[in-house]
Amino acid sequence: MSKDNTLEHLVEHHHRNSAIKVVKLSCNFGKKVALSVGIDYASGAAIIQIAAICNLEQRFAHCLQQRNAIASR
């Protein structure tokens, strides 16, 4: 489990917006495997990769704003 409760925060966002998918891996398989699994699991018009998270709430909100701006074009 992460020290910053990343999974819990992402699940909260999923409950508010079912278009957000969350994949929980059984252990740390590394970045390449995690991204591959996420891409395989994803559906929709966009995939947002968040590789380095300093402030999850701010970064996630920013990504959603960008996605909404692109979608409204």
PDB file of N, CA and C in Angstrom:
ATOM      1  N   MET A   1       0.849  -1.180   0.000  1.00  0.00           N
ATOM      2  CA  MET A   1       0.000   0.000   0.000  1.00  0.00           C
ATOM      3  C   MET A   1       0.890   1.239   0.000  1.00  0.00           C
ATOM      4  N   SER A   2       0.486   2.246  -0.771  1.00  0.00           N
ATOM      5  CA  SER A   2       1.287   3.461  -0.860  1.00  0.00           C
ATOM      6  C   SER A   2       1.139   4.310   0.392  1.00  0.00           C
ATOM      7  N   LYS A   3       2.138   5.127   0.612  1.00  0.00           N
ATOM      8  CA  LYS A   3       2.127   6.011   1.783  1.00  0.00           C
ATOM      9  C   LYS A   3       1.161   7.183   1.601  1.00  0.00           C
ATOM     10  N   ASP A   4       0.851   7.507   0.339  1.00  0.00           N
ATOM     11  CA  ASP A   4      -0.017   8.667   0.082  1.00  0.00           C
ATOM     12  C   ASP A   4      -1.452   8.277  -0.273  1.00  0.00           C
ATOM     13  N   ASN A   5      -1.817   7.002  -0.076  1.00  0.00           N
ATOM     14  CA  ASN A   5      -3.187   6.523  -0.342  1.00  0.00           C
ATOM     15  C   ASN A   5      -3.634   6.742  -1.783  1.00  0.00           C
ATOM     16  N   THR A   6      -2.707   6.576  -2.704  1.00  0.00           N
ATOM     17  CA  THR A   6      -3.003   6.792  -4.122  1.00  0.00           C
ATOM     18  C   THR A   6      -4.211   5.983  -4.575  1.00  0.00           C
ATOM     19  N   LEU A   7      -4.223   4.687  -4.282  1.00  0.00           N
ATOM     20  CA  LEU A   7      -5.326   3.838  -4.729  1.00  0.00           C
ATOM     21  C   LEU A   7      -6.663   4.343  -4.218  1.00  0.00           C
ATOM     22  N   GLU A   8      -6.724   4.696  -2.957  1.00  0.00           N
ATOM     23  CA  GLU A   8      -7.968   5.179  -2.370  1.00  0.00           C
ATOM     24  C   GLU A   8      -8.452   6.455  -3.063  1.00  0.00           C
ATOM     25  N   HIS A   9      -7.519   7.363  -3.363  1.00  0.00           N
ATOM     26  CA  HIS A   9      -7.886   8.607  -4.049  1.00  0.00           C
ATOM     27  C   HIS A   9      -8.427   8.308  -5.446  1.00  0.00           C
ATOM     28  N   LEU A  10      -7.762   7.408  -6.167  1.00  0.00           N
ATOM     29  CA  LEU A  10      -8.207   7.083  -7.513  1.00  0.00           C
ATOM     30  C   LEU A  10      -9.573   6.396  -7.504  1.00  0.00           C
ATOM     31  N   VAL A  11      -9.806   5.517  -6.538  1.00  0.00           N
ATOM     32  CA  VAL A  11     -11.109   4.849  -6.425  1.00  0.00           C
ATOM     33  C   VAL A  11     -12.203   5.876  -6.142  1.00  0.00           C
ATOM     34  N   GLU A  12     -11.905   6.870  -5.309  1.00  0.00           N
ATOM     35  CA  GLU A  12     -12.876   7.941  -5.058  1.00  0.00           C
ATOM     36  C   GLU A  12     -13.250   8.654  -6.357  1.00  0.00           C
ATOM     37  N   HIS A  13     -12.237   8.941  -7.192  1.00  0.00           N
ATOM     38  CA  HIS A  13     -12.498   9.602  -8.475  1.00  0.00           C
ATOM     39  C   HIS A  13     -13.323   8.687  -9.381  1.00  0.00           C
ATOM     40  N   HIS A  14     -13.046   7.392  -9.355  1.00  0.00           N
ATOM     41  CA  HIS A  14     -13.816   6.440 -10.156  1.00  0.00           C
ATOM     42  C   HIS A  14     -15.287   6.433  -9.728  1.00  0.00           C
ATOM     43  N   HIS A  15     -15.540   6.508  -8.430  1.00  0.00           N
ATOM     44  CA  HIS A  15     -16.924   6.518  -7.944  1.00  0.00           C
ATOM     45  C   HIS A  15     -17.676   7.764  -8.408  1.00  0.00           C
ATOM     46  N   ARG A  16     -16.944   8.861  -8.599  1.00  0.00           N
ATOM     47  CA  ARG A  16     -17.566  10.103  -9.077  1.00  0.00           C
ATOM     48  C   ARG A  16     -17.701  10.135 -10.597  1.00  0.00           C
ATOM     49  N   ASN A  17     -16.837   9.372 -11.281  1.00  0.00           N
ATOM     50  CA  ASN A  17     -16.834   9.379 -12.745  1.00  0.00           C
ATOM     51  C   ASN A  17     -16.458   7.978 -13.223  1.00  0.00           C
ATOM     52  N   SER A  18     -17.459   7.216 -13.662  1.00  0.00           N
ATOM     53  CA  SER A  18     -17.226   5.820 -14.030  1.00  0.00           C
ATOM     54  C   SER A  18     -16.348   5.663 -15.265  1.00  0.00           C
ATOM     55  N   ALA A  19     -16.079   6.746 -15.991  1.00  0.00           N
ATOM     56  CA  ALA A  19     -15.173   6.678 -17.137  1.00  0.00           C
ATOM     57  C   ALA A  19     -13.727   6.504 -16.689  1.00  0.00           C
ATOM     58  N   ILE A  20     -13.445   6.831 -15.431  1.00  0.00           N
ATOM     59  CA  ILE A  20     -12.102   6.670 -14.874  1.00  0.00           C
ATOM     60  C   ILE A  20     -11.940   5.218 -14.447  1.00  0.00           C
ATOM     61  N   LYS A  21     -10.934   4.561 -15.001  1.00  0.00           N
ATOM     62  CA  LYS A  21     -10.665   3.159 -14.671  1.00  0.00           C
ATOM     63  C   LYS A  21      -9.474   3.083 -13.719  1.00  0.00           C
ATOM     64  N   VAL A  22      -9.558   2.177 -12.761  1.00  0.00           N
ATOM     65  CA  VAL A  22      -8.472   1.974 -11.803  1.00  0.00           C
ATOM     66  C   VAL A  22      -8.112   0.493 -11.820  1.00  0.00           C
ATOM     67  N   VAL A  23      -6.835   0.191 -11.982  1.00  0.00           N
ATOM     68  CA  VAL A  23      -6.351  -1.190 -11.979  1.00  0.00           C
ATOM     69  C   VAL A  23      -5.416  -1.350 -10.798  1.00  0.00           C
ATOM     70  N   LYS A  24      -5.706  -2.299  -9.925  1.00  0.00           N
ATOM     71  CA  LYS A  24      -4.831  -2.584  -8.784  1.00  0.00           C
ATOM     72  C   LYS A  24      -4.042  -3.851  -9.093  1.00  0.00           C
ATOM     73  N   LEU A  25      -2.730  -3.717  -9.134  1.00  0.00           N
ATOM     74  CA  LEU A  25      -1.867  -4.865  -9.372  1.00  0.00           C
ATOM     75  C   LEU A  25      -1.535  -5.532  -8.037  1.00  0.00           C
ATOM     76  N   SER A  26      -1.252  -6.820  -8.074  1.00  0.00           N
ATOM     77  CA  SER A  26      -1.011  -7.563  -6.832  1.00  0.00           C
ATOM     78  C   SER A  26       0.316  -7.202  -6.177  1.00  0.00           C
ATOM     79  N   CYS A  27       1.251  -6.682  -6.962  1.00  0.00           N
ATOM     80  CA  CYS A  27       2.535  -6.233  -6.407  1.00  0.00           C
ATOM     81  C   CYS A  27       3.174  -5.274  -7.402  1.00  0.00           C
ATOM     82  N   ASN A  28       4.344  -4.766  -7.079  1.00  0.00           N
ATOM     83  CA  ASN A  28       5.051  -3.830  -7.945  1.00  0.00           C
ATOM     84  C   ASN A  28       5.780  -4.608  -9.036  1.00  0.00           C
ATOM     85  N   PHE A  29       5.183  -4.637 -10.232  1.00  0.00           N
ATOM     86  CA  PHE A  29       5.791  -5.332 -11.366  1.00  0.00           C
ATOM     87  C   PHE A  29       6.698  -4.416 -12.172  1.00  0.00           C
ATOM     88  N   GLY A  30       6.735  -3.154 -11.843  1.00  0.00           N
ATOM     89  CA  GLY A  30       7.538  -2.191 -12.581  1.00  0.00           C
ATOM     90  C   GLY A  30       6.675  -1.347 -13.506  1.00  0.00           C
ATOM     91  N   LYS A  31       7.251  -0.233 -13.936  1.00  0.00           N
ATOM     92  CA  LYS A  31       6.518   0.759 -14.729  1.00  0.00           C
ATOM     93  C   LYS A  31       6.039   0.201 -16.068  1.00  0.00           C
ATOM     94  N   LYS A  32       6.909  -0.524 -16.784  1.00  0.00           N
ATOM     95  CA  LYS A  32       6.538  -1.011 -18.117  1.00  0.00           C
ATOM     96  C   LYS A  32       5.357  -1.977 -18.053  1.00  0.00           C
ATOM     97  N   VAL A  33       5.383  -2.903 -17.126  1.00  0.00           N
ATOM     98  CA  VAL A  33       4.279  -3.859 -16.988  1.00  0.00           C
ATOM     99  C   VAL A  33       3.014  -3.135 -16.568  1.00  0.00           C
ATOM    100  N   ALA A  34       3.133  -2.224 -15.615  1.00  0.00           N
ATOM    101  CA  ALA A  34       1.957  -1.488 -15.142  1.00  0.00           C
ATOM    102  C   ALA A  34       1.316  -0.695 -16.274  1.00  0.00           C
ATOM    103  N   LEU A  35       2.124  -0.014 -17.075  1.00  0.00           N
ATOM    104  CA  LEU A  35       1.582   0.749 -18.203  1.00  0.00           C
ATOM    105  C   LEU A  35       0.938  -0.169 -19.234  1.00  0.00           C
ATOM    106  N   SER A  36       1.563  -1.296 -19.506  1.00  0.00           N
ATOM    107  CA  SER A  36       1.013  -2.255 -20.459  1.00  0.00           C
ATOM    108  C   SER A  36      -0.350  -2.771 -20.007  1.00  0.00           C
ATOM    109  N   VAL A  37      -0.452  -3.131 -18.732  1.00  0.00           N
ATOM    110  CA  VAL A  37      -1.728  -3.603 -18.188  1.00  0.00           C
ATOM    111  C   VAL A  37      -2.774  -2.493 -18.272  1.00  0.00           C
ATOM    112  N   GLY A  38      -2.400  -1.291 -17.903  1.00  0.00           N
ATOM    113  CA  GLY A  38      -3.328  -0.165 -17.955  1.00  0.00           C
ATOM    114  C   GLY A  38      -3.832   0.104 -19.358  1.00  0.00           C
ATOM    115  N   ILE A  39      -2.936   0.055 -20.335  1.00  0.00           N
ATOM    116  CA  ILE A  39      -3.324   0.291 -21.724  1.00  0.00           C
ATOM    117  C   ILE A  39      -4.247  -0.835 -22.209  1.00  0.00           C
ATOM    118  N   ASP A  40      -3.934  -2.077 -21.851  1.00  0.00           N
ATOM    119  CA  ASP A  40      -4.794  -3.208 -22.233  1.00  0.00           C
ATOM    120  C   ASP A  40      -6.187  -3.085 -21.624  1.00  0.00           C
ATOM    121  N   TYR A  41      -6.280  -2.558 -20.422  1.00  0.00           N
ATOM    122  CA  TYR A  41      -7.540  -2.445 -19.690  1.00  0.00           C
ATOM    123  C   TYR A  41      -8.359  -1.231 -20.127  1.00  0.00           C
ATOM    124  N   ALA A  42      -7.685  -0.235 -20.702  1.00  0.00           N
ATOM    125  CA  ALA A  42      -8.319   1.051 -21.027  1.00  0.00           C
ATOM    126  C   ALA A  42      -9.310   0.942 -22.177  1.00  0.00           C
ATOM    127  N   SER A  43     -10.265   1.851 -22.159  1.00  0.00           N
ATOM    128  CA  SER A  43     -11.191   2.022 -23.278  1.00  0.00           C
ATOM    129  C   SER A  43     -11.490   3.504 -23.382  1.00  0.00           C
ATOM    130  N   GLY A  44     -11.975   3.925 -24.519  1.00  0.00           N
ATOM    131  CA  GLY A  44     -12.302   5.332 -24.682  1.00  0.00           C
ATOM    132  C   GLY A  44     -11.346   6.033 -25.623  1.00  0.00           C
ATOM    133  N   ALA A  45     -11.462   7.354 -25.678  1.00  0.00           N
ATOM    134  CA  ALA A  45     -10.710   8.152 -26.637  1.00  0.00           C
ATOM    135  C   ALA A  45      -9.345   8.592 -26.140  1.00  0.00           C
ATOM    136  N   ALA A  46      -9.085   8.490 -24.839  1.00  0.00           N
ATOM    137  CA  ALA A  46      -7.818   8.996 -24.316  1.00  0.00           C
ATOM    138  C   ALA A  46      -7.323   8.127 -23.165  1.00  0.00           C
ATOM    139  N   ILE A  47      -6.014   8.040 -23.071  1.00  0.00           N
ATOM    140  CA  ILE A  47      -5.364   7.382 -21.935  1.00  0.00           C
ATOM    141  C   ILE A  47      -4.442   8.418 -21.318  1.00  0.00           C
ATOM    142  N   ILE A  48      -4.577   8.643 -20.022  1.00  0.00           N
ATOM    143  CA  ILE A  48      -3.732   9.609 -19.328  1.00  0.00           C
ATOM    144  C   ILE A  48      -2.770   8.841 -18.443  1.00  0.00           C
ATOM    145  N   GLN A  49      -1.480   9.014 -18.706  1.00  0.00           N
ATOM    146  CA  GLN A  49      -0.441   8.366 -17.910  1.00  0.00           C
ATOM    147  C   GLN A  49       0.079   9.368 -16.894  1.00  0.00           C
ATOM    148  N   ILE A  50       0.042   8.994 -15.626  1.00  0.00           N
ATOM    149  CA  ILE A  50       0.611   9.824 -14.573  1.00  0.00           C
ATOM    150  C   ILE A  50       1.777   9.027 -14.003  1.00  0.00           C
ATOM    151  N   ALA A  51       3.002   9.390 -14.403  1.00  0.00           N
ATOM    152  CA  ALA A  51       4.175   8.598 -14.043  1.00  0.00           C
ATOM    153  C   ALA A  51       4.792   9.014 -12.708  1.00  0.00           C
ATOM    154  N   ALA A  52       4.855  10.280 -12.449  1.00  0.00           N
ATOM    155  CA  ALA A  52       5.458  10.762 -11.210  1.00  0.00           C
ATOM    156  C   ALA A  52       4.435  11.619 -10.492  1.00  0.00           C
ATOM    157  N   ILE A  53       4.011  11.184  -9.337  1.00  0.00           N
ATOM    158  CA  ILE A  53       2.940  11.880  -8.637  1.00  0.00           C
ATOM    159  C   ILE A  53       3.499  12.578  -7.399  1.00  0.00           C
ATOM    160  N   CYS A  54       3.453  13.895  -7.411  1.00  0.00           N
ATOM    161  CA  CYS A  54       3.862  14.665  -6.240  1.00  0.00           C
ATOM    162  C   CYS A  54       2.624  15.067  -5.448  1.00  0.00           C
ATOM    163  N   ASN A  55       1.640  15.595  -6.134  1.00  0.00           N
ATOM    164  CA  ASN A  55       0.390  15.965  -5.507  1.00  0.00           C
ATOM    165  C   ASN A  55      -0.730  15.376  -6.364  1.00  0.00           C
ATOM    166  N   LEU A  56      -1.203  14.209  -5.995  1.00  0.00           N
ATOM    167  CA  LEU A  56      -2.157  13.453  -6.792  1.00  0.00           C
ATOM    168  C   LEU A  56      -3.390  14.265  -7.142  1.00  0.00           C
ATOM    169  N   GLU A  57      -3.990  14.926  -6.171  1.00  0.00           N
ATOM    170  CA  GLU A  57      -5.235  15.660  -6.415  1.00  0.00           C
ATOM    171  C   GLU A  57      -5.033  16.744  -7.473  1.00  0.00           C
ATOM    172  N   GLN A  58      -3.974  17.533  -7.358  1.00  0.00           N
ATOM    173  CA  GLN A  58      -3.728  18.612  -8.315  1.00  0.00           C
ATOM    174  C   GLN A  58      -3.440  18.069  -9.703  1.00  0.00           C
ATOM    175  N   ARG A  59      -2.584  17.055  -9.791  1.00  0.00           N
ATOM    176  CA  ARG A  59      -2.211  16.510 -11.089  1.00  0.00           C
ATOM    177  C   ARG A  59      -3.411  15.868 -11.772  1.00  0.00           C
ATOM    178  N   PHE A  60      -4.209  15.130 -11.022  1.00  0.00           N
ATOM    179  CA  PHE A  60      -5.360  14.453 -11.599  1.00  0.00           C
ATOM    180  C   PHE A  60      -6.384  15.474 -12.083  1.00  0.00           C
ATOM    181  N   ALA A  61      -6.635  16.484 -11.284  1.00  0.00           N
ATOM    182  CA  ALA A  61      -7.578  17.542 -11.675  1.00  0.00           C
ATOM    183  C   ALA A  61      -7.093  18.235 -12.943  1.00  0.00           C
ATOM    184  N   HIS A  62      -5.794  18.494 -13.031  1.00  0.00           N
ATOM    185  CA  HIS A  62      -5.223  19.141 -14.215  1.00  0.00           C
ATOM    186  C   HIS A  62      -5.410  18.257 -15.451  1.00  0.00           C
ATOM    187  N   CYS A  63      -5.154  16.955 -15.320  1.00  0.00           N
ATOM    188  CA  CYS A  63      -5.335  16.027 -16.442  1.00  0.00           C
ATOM    189  C   CYS A  63      -6.783  15.992 -16.903  1.00  0.00           C
ATOM    190  N   LEU A  64      -7.724  15.994 -15.961  1.00  0.00           N
ATOM    191  CA  LEU A  64      -9.135  15.988 -16.324  1.00  0.00           C
ATOM    192  C   LEU A  64      -9.529  17.282 -17.038  1.00  0.00           C
ATOM    193  N   GLN A  65      -8.982  18.406 -16.585  1.00  0.00           N
ATOM    194  CA  GLN A  65      -9.279  19.688 -17.237  1.00  0.00           C
ATOM    195  C   GLN A  65      -8.772  19.673 -18.670  1.00  0.00           C
ATOM    196  N   GLN A  66      -7.560  19.137 -18.868  1.00  0.00           N
ATOM    197  CA  GLN A  66      -7.009  19.060 -20.222  1.00  0.00           C
ATOM    198  C   GLN A  66      -7.853  18.139 -21.093  1.00  0.00           C
ATOM    199  N   ARG A  67      -8.265  17.004 -20.546  1.00  0.00           N
ATOM    200  CA  ARG A  67      -9.089  16.056 -21.306  1.00  0.00           C
ATOM    201  C   ARG A  67     -10.405  16.707 -21.711  1.00  0.00           C
ATOM    202  N   ASN A  68     -11.021  17.444 -20.782  1.00  0.00           N
ATOM    203  CA  ASN A  68     -12.289  18.104 -21.075  1.00  0.00           C
ATOM    204  C   ASN A  68     -12.114  19.191 -22.126  1.00  0.00           C
ATOM    205  N   ALA A  69     -10.988  19.901 -22.082  1.00  0.00           N
ATOM    206  CA  ALA A  69     -10.727  20.948 -23.073  1.00  0.00           C
ATOM    207  C   ALA A  69     -10.564  20.328 -24.460  1.00  0.00           C
ATOM    208  N   ILE A  70      -9.872  19.206 -24.543  1.00  0.00           N
ATOM    209  CA  ILE A  70      -9.668  18.526 -25.835  1.00  0.00           C
ATOM    210  C   ILE A  70     -11.010  17.979 -26.336  1.00  0.00           C
ATOM    211  N   ALA A  71     -11.788  17.392 -25.458  1.00  0.00           N
ATOM    212  CA  ALA A  71     -13.060  16.791 -25.833  1.00  0.00           C
ATOM    213  C   ALA A  71     -14.066  17.826 -26.324  1.00  0.00           C
ATOM    214  N   SER A  72     -13.957  19.062 -25.844  1.00  0.00           N
ATOM    215  CA  SER A  72     -14.939  20.082 -26.224  1.00  0.00           C
ATOM    216  C   SER A  72     -14.595  20.781 -27.528  1.00  0.00           C
ATOM    217  N   ARG A  73     -13.467  20.436 -28.124  1.00  0.00           N
ATOM    218  CA  ARG A  73     -13.066  21.080 -29.400  1.00  0.00           C
ATOM    219  C   ARG A  73     -13.903  20.610 -30.545  1.00  0.00           C
TER     220      ARG A  73
END
